[in-house]
Amino acid sequence: MTASWAWMTLLVAGICEVMYASALPRTQGFTRLWPSLYCLFFIVLSLYLLTLSARYLPIGTAYAVWVGIGAVGTAIYGIAYLNEPAGVARLVCLALIIGGVAGLKVLSPSG
């Protein structure tokens, strides 16, 4: 795996995190079978892809980017589909997270 593949794998891992986090409310505390299985599948896939990318990227960078993608993606999902507030301050904070993730990518030794 090359560094560019590691970054792509990390992006997919972050998307998988958004997939499971956005479905968590539908599990009703993991008491509903199908939403719970959906969540568990994407949790396992997300962590697996994170571990693959961490073979080639610094773990601190990989983890921070993974969490950032998950946090921003889940917040955007909440705003778009769950009618969560999208105030200016909240959007600025999300932009700061995106800036931090982009900075980690740019400044990563594996580029």
N, C-alpha and C. Protein backbone atom coordinates (compact mmCIF):
# COMPACT_ATOMS: atom_id res chain seq x y z
N MET A 1 0.85 -1.18 0.00
CA MET A 1 0.00 0.00 0.00
C MET A 1 0.89 1.24 0.00
N THR A 2 0.58 2.17 -0.85
CA THR A 2 1.33 3.43 -0.89
C THR A 2 0.69 4.43 0.07
N ALA A 3 1.39 5.54 0.28
CA ALA A 3 0.86 6.57 1.17
C ALA A 3 -0.47 7.10 0.64
N SER A 4 -0.60 7.26 -0.67
CA SER A 4 -1.87 7.77 -1.21
C SER A 4 -3.01 6.78 -0.97
N TRP A 5 -2.72 5.49 -1.06
CA TRP A 5 -3.74 4.48 -0.75
C TRP A 5 -4.08 4.49 0.73
N ALA A 6 -3.07 4.74 1.56
CA ALA A 6 -3.32 4.81 3.00
C ALA A 6 -4.26 5.97 3.31
N TRP A 7 -4.07 7.12 2.65
CA TRP A 7 -4.95 8.27 2.85
C TRP A 7 -6.35 7.96 2.34
N MET A 8 -6.46 7.28 1.21
CA MET A 8 -7.78 6.92 0.67
C MET A 8 -8.47 5.93 1.62
N THR A 9 -7.73 4.98 2.14
CA THR A 9 -8.28 4.02 3.10
C THR A 9 -8.77 4.75 4.35
N LEU A 10 -8.00 5.72 4.78
CA LEU A 10 -8.38 6.50 5.96
C LEU A 10 -9.66 7.30 5.69
N LEU A 11 -9.79 7.86 4.51
CA LEU A 11 -11.01 8.57 4.15
C LEU A 11 -12.22 7.64 4.20
N VAL A 12 -12.08 6.45 3.64
CA VAL A 12 -13.18 5.48 3.67
C VAL A 12 -13.49 5.06 5.10
N ALA A 13 -12.45 4.91 5.92
CA ALA A 13 -12.65 4.57 7.34
C ALA A 13 -13.47 5.67 8.03
N GLY A 14 -13.16 6.93 7.73
CA GLY A 14 -13.91 8.04 8.30
C GLY A 14 -15.36 8.05 7.84
N ILE A 15 -15.58 7.73 6.57
CA ILE A 15 -16.94 7.66 6.05
C ILE A 15 -17.71 6.53 6.74
N CYS A 16 -17.03 5.42 6.99
CA CYS A 16 -17.67 4.31 7.71
C CYS A 16 -18.05 4.74 9.12
N GLU A 17 -17.23 5.59 9.73
CA GLU A 17 -17.55 6.10 11.07
C GLU A 17 -18.83 6.94 11.02
N VAL A 18 -18.96 7.75 9.99
CA VAL A 18 -20.18 8.55 9.83
C VAL A 18 -21.38 7.63 9.65
N MET A 19 -21.20 6.55 8.89
CA MET A 19 -22.30 5.61 8.63
C MET A 19 -22.82 5.01 9.94
N TYR A 20 -21.90 4.58 10.81
CA TYR A 20 -22.40 3.97 12.04
C TYR A 20 -22.90 5.01 13.03
N ALA A 21 -22.23 6.14 13.12
CA ALA A 21 -22.65 7.16 14.08
C ALA A 21 -24.03 7.71 13.74
N SER A 22 -24.30 7.88 12.45
CA SER A 22 -25.60 8.41 12.05
C SER A 22 -26.72 7.42 12.30
N ALA A 23 -26.40 6.16 12.38
CA ALA A 23 -27.43 5.14 12.62
C ALA A 23 -27.61 4.81 14.10
N LEU A 24 -26.74 5.30 14.95
CA LEU A 24 -26.83 4.97 16.38
C LEU A 24 -28.20 5.25 17.00
N PRO A 25 -28.82 6.39 16.73
CA PRO A 25 -30.14 6.62 17.35
C PRO A 25 -31.18 5.55 16.98
N ARG A 26 -31.07 5.00 15.78
CA ARG A 26 -32.05 3.99 15.36
C ARG A 26 -31.86 2.64 16.06
N THR A 27 -30.72 2.45 16.70
CA THR A 27 -30.52 1.18 17.41
C THR A 27 -31.29 1.14 18.73
N GLN A 28 -31.69 2.31 19.21
CA GLN A 28 -32.37 2.44 20.51
C GLN A 28 -31.59 1.68 21.60
N GLY A 29 -30.32 2.07 21.72
CA GLY A 29 -29.47 1.44 22.74
C GLY A 29 -29.08 0.01 22.40
N PHE A 30 -28.94 -0.27 21.12
CA PHE A 30 -28.62 -1.61 20.61
C PHE A 30 -29.67 -2.64 21.01
N THR A 31 -30.92 -2.20 21.05
CA THR A 31 -32.01 -3.14 21.34
C THR A 31 -32.76 -3.54 20.07
N ARG A 32 -32.49 -2.88 18.95
CA ARG A 32 -33.11 -3.23 17.67
C ARG A 32 -32.08 -3.94 16.81
N LEU A 33 -32.42 -5.14 16.35
CA LEU A 33 -31.46 -6.03 15.70
C LEU A 33 -30.82 -5.43 14.46
N TRP A 34 -31.61 -5.08 13.44
CA TRP A 34 -31.02 -4.69 12.16
C TRP A 34 -30.23 -3.39 12.22
N PRO A 35 -30.73 -2.36 12.86
CA PRO A 35 -29.90 -1.16 12.99
C PRO A 35 -28.62 -1.43 13.80
N SER A 36 -28.72 -2.31 14.78
CA SER A 36 -27.54 -2.65 15.59
C SER A 36 -26.50 -3.40 14.77
N LEU A 37 -26.96 -4.34 13.94
CA LEU A 37 -26.03 -5.07 13.07
C LEU A 37 -25.39 -4.14 12.05
N TYR A 38 -26.16 -3.21 11.52
CA TYR A 38 -25.64 -2.20 10.60
C TYR A 38 -24.52 -1.41 11.29
N CYS A 39 -24.79 -0.94 12.50
CA CYS A 39 -23.78 -0.19 13.25
C CYS A 39 -22.54 -1.03 13.50
N LEU A 40 -22.72 -2.22 13.98
CA LEU A 40 -21.58 -3.09 14.29
C LEU A 40 -20.73 -3.37 13.05
N PHE A 41 -21.38 -3.58 11.92
CA PHE A 41 -20.65 -3.82 10.68
C PHE A 41 -19.75 -2.63 10.35
N PHE A 42 -20.33 -1.42 10.40
CA PHE A 42 -19.54 -0.24 10.05
C PHE A 42 -18.51 0.13 11.12
N ILE A 43 -18.78 -0.20 12.38
CA ILE A 43 -17.78 0.01 13.43
C ILE A 43 -16.55 -0.85 13.15
N VAL A 44 -16.79 -2.12 12.90
CA VAL A 44 -15.68 -3.05 12.64
C VAL A 44 -14.94 -2.65 11.37
N LEU A 45 -15.66 -2.34 10.30
CA LEU A 45 -15.03 -1.96 9.05
C LEU A 45 -14.21 -0.68 9.23
N SER A 46 -14.75 0.29 9.92
CA SER A 46 -14.06 1.55 10.15
C SER A 46 -12.75 1.33 10.92
N LEU A 47 -12.82 0.57 11.99
CA LEU A 47 -11.60 0.31 12.77
C LEU A 47 -10.58 -0.50 11.98
N TYR A 48 -11.05 -1.45 11.19
CA TYR A 48 -10.14 -2.25 10.37
C TYR A 48 -9.41 -1.37 9.36
N LEU A 49 -10.15 -0.50 8.68
CA LEU A 49 -9.54 0.38 7.70
C LEU A 49 -8.59 1.37 8.37
N LEU A 50 -8.94 1.84 9.56
CA LEU A 50 -8.05 2.71 10.31
C LEU A 50 -6.73 1.99 10.61
N THR A 51 -6.80 0.75 11.02
CA THR A 51 -5.57 0.01 11.33
C THR A 51 -4.73 -0.21 10.08
N LEU A 52 -5.38 -0.43 8.94
CA LEU A 52 -4.62 -0.57 7.70
C LEU A 52 -3.88 0.72 7.35
N SER A 53 -4.57 1.84 7.45
CA SER A 53 -3.93 3.11 7.11
C SER A 53 -2.84 3.46 8.11
N ALA A 54 -3.01 3.06 9.36
CA ALA A 54 -2.01 3.37 10.40
C ALA A 54 -0.71 2.60 10.21
N ARG A 55 -0.70 1.63 9.33
CA ARG A 55 0.55 0.95 9.01
C ARG A 55 1.49 1.88 8.24
N TYR A 56 0.92 2.84 7.54
CA TYR A 56 1.71 3.70 6.65
C TYR A 56 1.68 5.17 7.04
N LEU A 57 0.78 5.54 7.93
CA LEU A 57 0.67 6.92 8.39
C LEU A 57 0.96 6.98 9.88
N PRO A 58 1.47 8.10 10.37
CA PRO A 58 1.67 8.23 11.82
C PRO A 58 0.32 8.05 12.55
N ILE A 59 0.31 7.28 13.61
CA ILE A 59 -0.94 6.94 14.29
C ILE A 59 -1.65 8.18 14.82
N GLY A 60 -0.92 9.15 15.32
CA GLY A 60 -1.55 10.37 15.82
C GLY A 60 -2.27 11.11 14.72
N THR A 61 -1.64 11.20 13.58
CA THR A 61 -2.26 11.86 12.42
C THR A 61 -3.45 11.05 11.92
N ALA A 62 -3.27 9.75 11.76
CA ALA A 62 -4.35 8.90 11.24
C ALA A 62 -5.57 8.96 12.16
N TYR A 63 -5.34 8.86 13.45
CA TYR A 63 -6.46 8.86 14.39
C TYR A 63 -7.17 10.21 14.39
N ALA A 64 -6.41 11.29 14.41
CA ALA A 64 -7.01 12.63 14.42
C ALA A 64 -7.82 12.88 13.16
N VAL A 65 -7.30 12.47 12.01
CA VAL A 65 -8.03 12.65 10.75
C VAL A 65 -9.29 11.80 10.75
N TRP A 66 -9.19 10.58 11.22
CA TRP A 66 -10.33 9.66 11.28
C TRP A 66 -11.44 10.24 12.16
N VAL A 67 -11.06 10.71 13.33
CA VAL A 67 -12.03 11.30 14.24
C VAL A 67 -12.63 12.58 13.63
N GLY A 68 -11.79 13.39 12.99
CA GLY A 68 -12.27 14.62 12.38
C GLY A 68 -13.28 14.36 11.28
N ILE A 69 -12.99 13.39 10.42
CA ILE A 69 -13.93 13.04 9.35
C ILE A 69 -15.25 12.57 9.97
N GLY A 70 -15.14 11.72 10.99
CA GLY A 70 -16.35 11.21 11.65
C GLY A 70 -17.14 12.32 12.32
N ALA A 71 -16.47 13.21 13.01
CA ALA A 71 -17.16 14.28 13.73
C ALA A 71 -17.84 15.25 12.77
N VAL A 72 -17.11 15.71 11.77
CA VAL A 72 -17.68 16.67 10.82
C VAL A 72 -18.78 16.01 10.00
N GLY A 73 -18.52 14.81 9.51
CA GLY A 73 -19.53 14.11 8.71
C GLY A 73 -20.81 13.85 9.48
N THR A 74 -20.68 13.44 10.73
CA THR A 74 -21.86 13.17 11.55
C THR A 74 -22.61 14.46 11.87
N ALA A 75 -21.87 15.53 12.14
CA ALA A 75 -22.52 16.82 12.40
C ALA A 75 -23.27 17.31 11.17
N ILE A 76 -22.66 17.16 10.01
CA ILE A 76 -23.34 17.57 8.76
C ILE A 76 -24.58 16.72 8.54
N TYR A 77 -24.49 15.42 8.80
CA TYR A 77 -25.66 14.54 8.69
C TYR A 77 -26.76 15.03 9.62
N GLY A 78 -26.40 15.36 10.85
CA GLY A 78 -27.39 15.84 11.82
C GLY A 78 -28.07 17.12 11.36
N ILE A 79 -27.28 18.03 10.80
CA ILE A 79 -27.84 19.28 10.29
C ILE A 79 -28.76 19.01 9.10
N ALA A 80 -28.31 18.19 8.18
CA ALA A 80 -29.05 17.96 6.94
C ALA A 80 -30.29 17.09 7.11
N TYR A 81 -30.23 16.09 7.99
CA TYR A 81 -31.32 15.11 8.05
C TYR A 81 -32.06 15.05 9.38
N LEU A 82 -31.45 15.57 10.44
CA LEU A 82 -32.09 15.48 11.75
C LEU A 82 -32.51 16.83 12.29
N ASN A 83 -32.45 17.85 11.45
CA ASN A 83 -32.85 19.20 11.83
C ASN A 83 -32.10 19.75 13.04
N GLU A 84 -30.85 19.36 13.17
CA GLU A 84 -30.03 19.92 14.24
C GLU A 84 -29.64 21.34 13.85
N PRO A 85 -29.37 22.20 14.84
CA PRO A 85 -29.07 23.61 14.51
C PRO A 85 -27.79 23.76 13.70
N ALA A 86 -27.81 24.75 12.80
CA ALA A 86 -26.64 25.04 11.96
C ALA A 86 -26.25 26.50 12.15
N GLY A 87 -26.11 26.90 13.38
CA GLY A 87 -25.75 28.28 13.66
C GLY A 87 -24.36 28.62 13.15
N VAL A 88 -24.11 29.91 13.04
CA VAL A 88 -22.83 30.38 12.51
C VAL A 88 -21.67 29.86 13.37
N ALA A 89 -21.80 29.94 14.67
CA ALA A 89 -20.71 29.48 15.55
C ALA A 89 -20.43 27.99 15.35
N ARG A 90 -21.47 27.21 15.21
CA ARG A 90 -21.30 25.76 14.99
C ARG A 90 -20.60 25.49 13.66
N LEU A 91 -21.01 26.20 12.63
CA LEU A 91 -20.38 26.01 11.32
C LEU A 91 -18.93 26.47 11.33
N VAL A 92 -18.62 27.52 12.06
CA VAL A 92 -17.23 27.97 12.19
C VAL A 92 -16.41 26.89 12.88
N CYS A 93 -16.95 26.31 13.93
CA CYS A 93 -16.23 25.24 14.63
C CYS A 93 -15.99 24.04 13.72
N LEU A 94 -16.97 23.68 12.92
CA LEU A 94 -16.78 22.58 11.97
C LEU A 94 -15.71 22.94 10.94
N ALA A 95 -15.70 24.18 10.51
CA ALA A 95 -14.66 24.63 9.56
C ALA A 95 -13.28 24.55 10.20
N LEU A 96 -13.19 24.84 11.49
CA LEU A 96 -11.90 24.73 12.19
C LEU A 96 -11.43 23.28 12.23
N ILE A 97 -12.35 22.35 12.45
CA ILE A 97 -11.99 20.93 12.44
C ILE A 97 -11.49 20.54 11.05
N ILE A 98 -12.20 20.96 10.03
CA ILE A 98 -11.79 20.65 8.65
C ILE A 98 -10.40 21.23 8.38
N GLY A 99 -10.17 22.45 8.82
CA GLY A 99 -8.85 23.07 8.64
C GLY A 99 -7.77 22.29 9.36
N GLY A 100 -8.07 21.81 10.55
CA GLY A 100 -7.09 21.02 11.29
C GLY A 100 -6.78 19.70 10.61
N VAL A 101 -7.81 19.04 10.10
CA VAL A 101 -7.62 17.77 9.39
C VAL A 101 -6.80 18.01 8.13
N ALA A 102 -7.14 19.06 7.39
CA ALA A 102 -6.38 19.37 6.17
C ALA A 102 -4.93 19.69 6.52
N GLY A 103 -4.72 20.43 7.59
CA GLY A 103 -3.36 20.74 8.02
C GLY A 103 -2.57 19.50 8.37
N LEU A 104 -3.20 18.57 9.06
CA LEU A 104 -2.50 17.32 9.39
C LEU A 104 -2.13 16.55 8.13
N LYS A 105 -3.01 16.57 7.15
CA LYS A 105 -2.70 15.88 5.88
C LYS A 105 -1.51 16.54 5.19
N VAL A 106 -1.55 17.86 5.09
CA VAL A 106 -0.50 18.60 4.39
C VAL A 106 0.85 18.46 5.11
N LEU A 107 0.81 18.49 6.43
CA LEU A 107 2.05 18.47 7.21
C LEU A 107 2.54 17.07 7.57
N SER A 108 1.79 16.05 7.15
CA SER A 108 2.18 14.67 7.47
C SER A 108 3.45 14.30 6.73
N PRO A 109 4.38 13.60 7.40
CA PRO A 109 5.61 13.19 6.73
C PRO A 109 5.37 12.30 5.52
N SER A 110 4.24 11.60 5.49
CA SER A 110 3.95 10.74 4.34
C SER A 110 3.11 11.46 3.30
N GLY A 111 2.84 12.76 3.55
CA GLY A 111 2.18 13.66 2.61
C GLY A 111 0.98 13.15 1.97
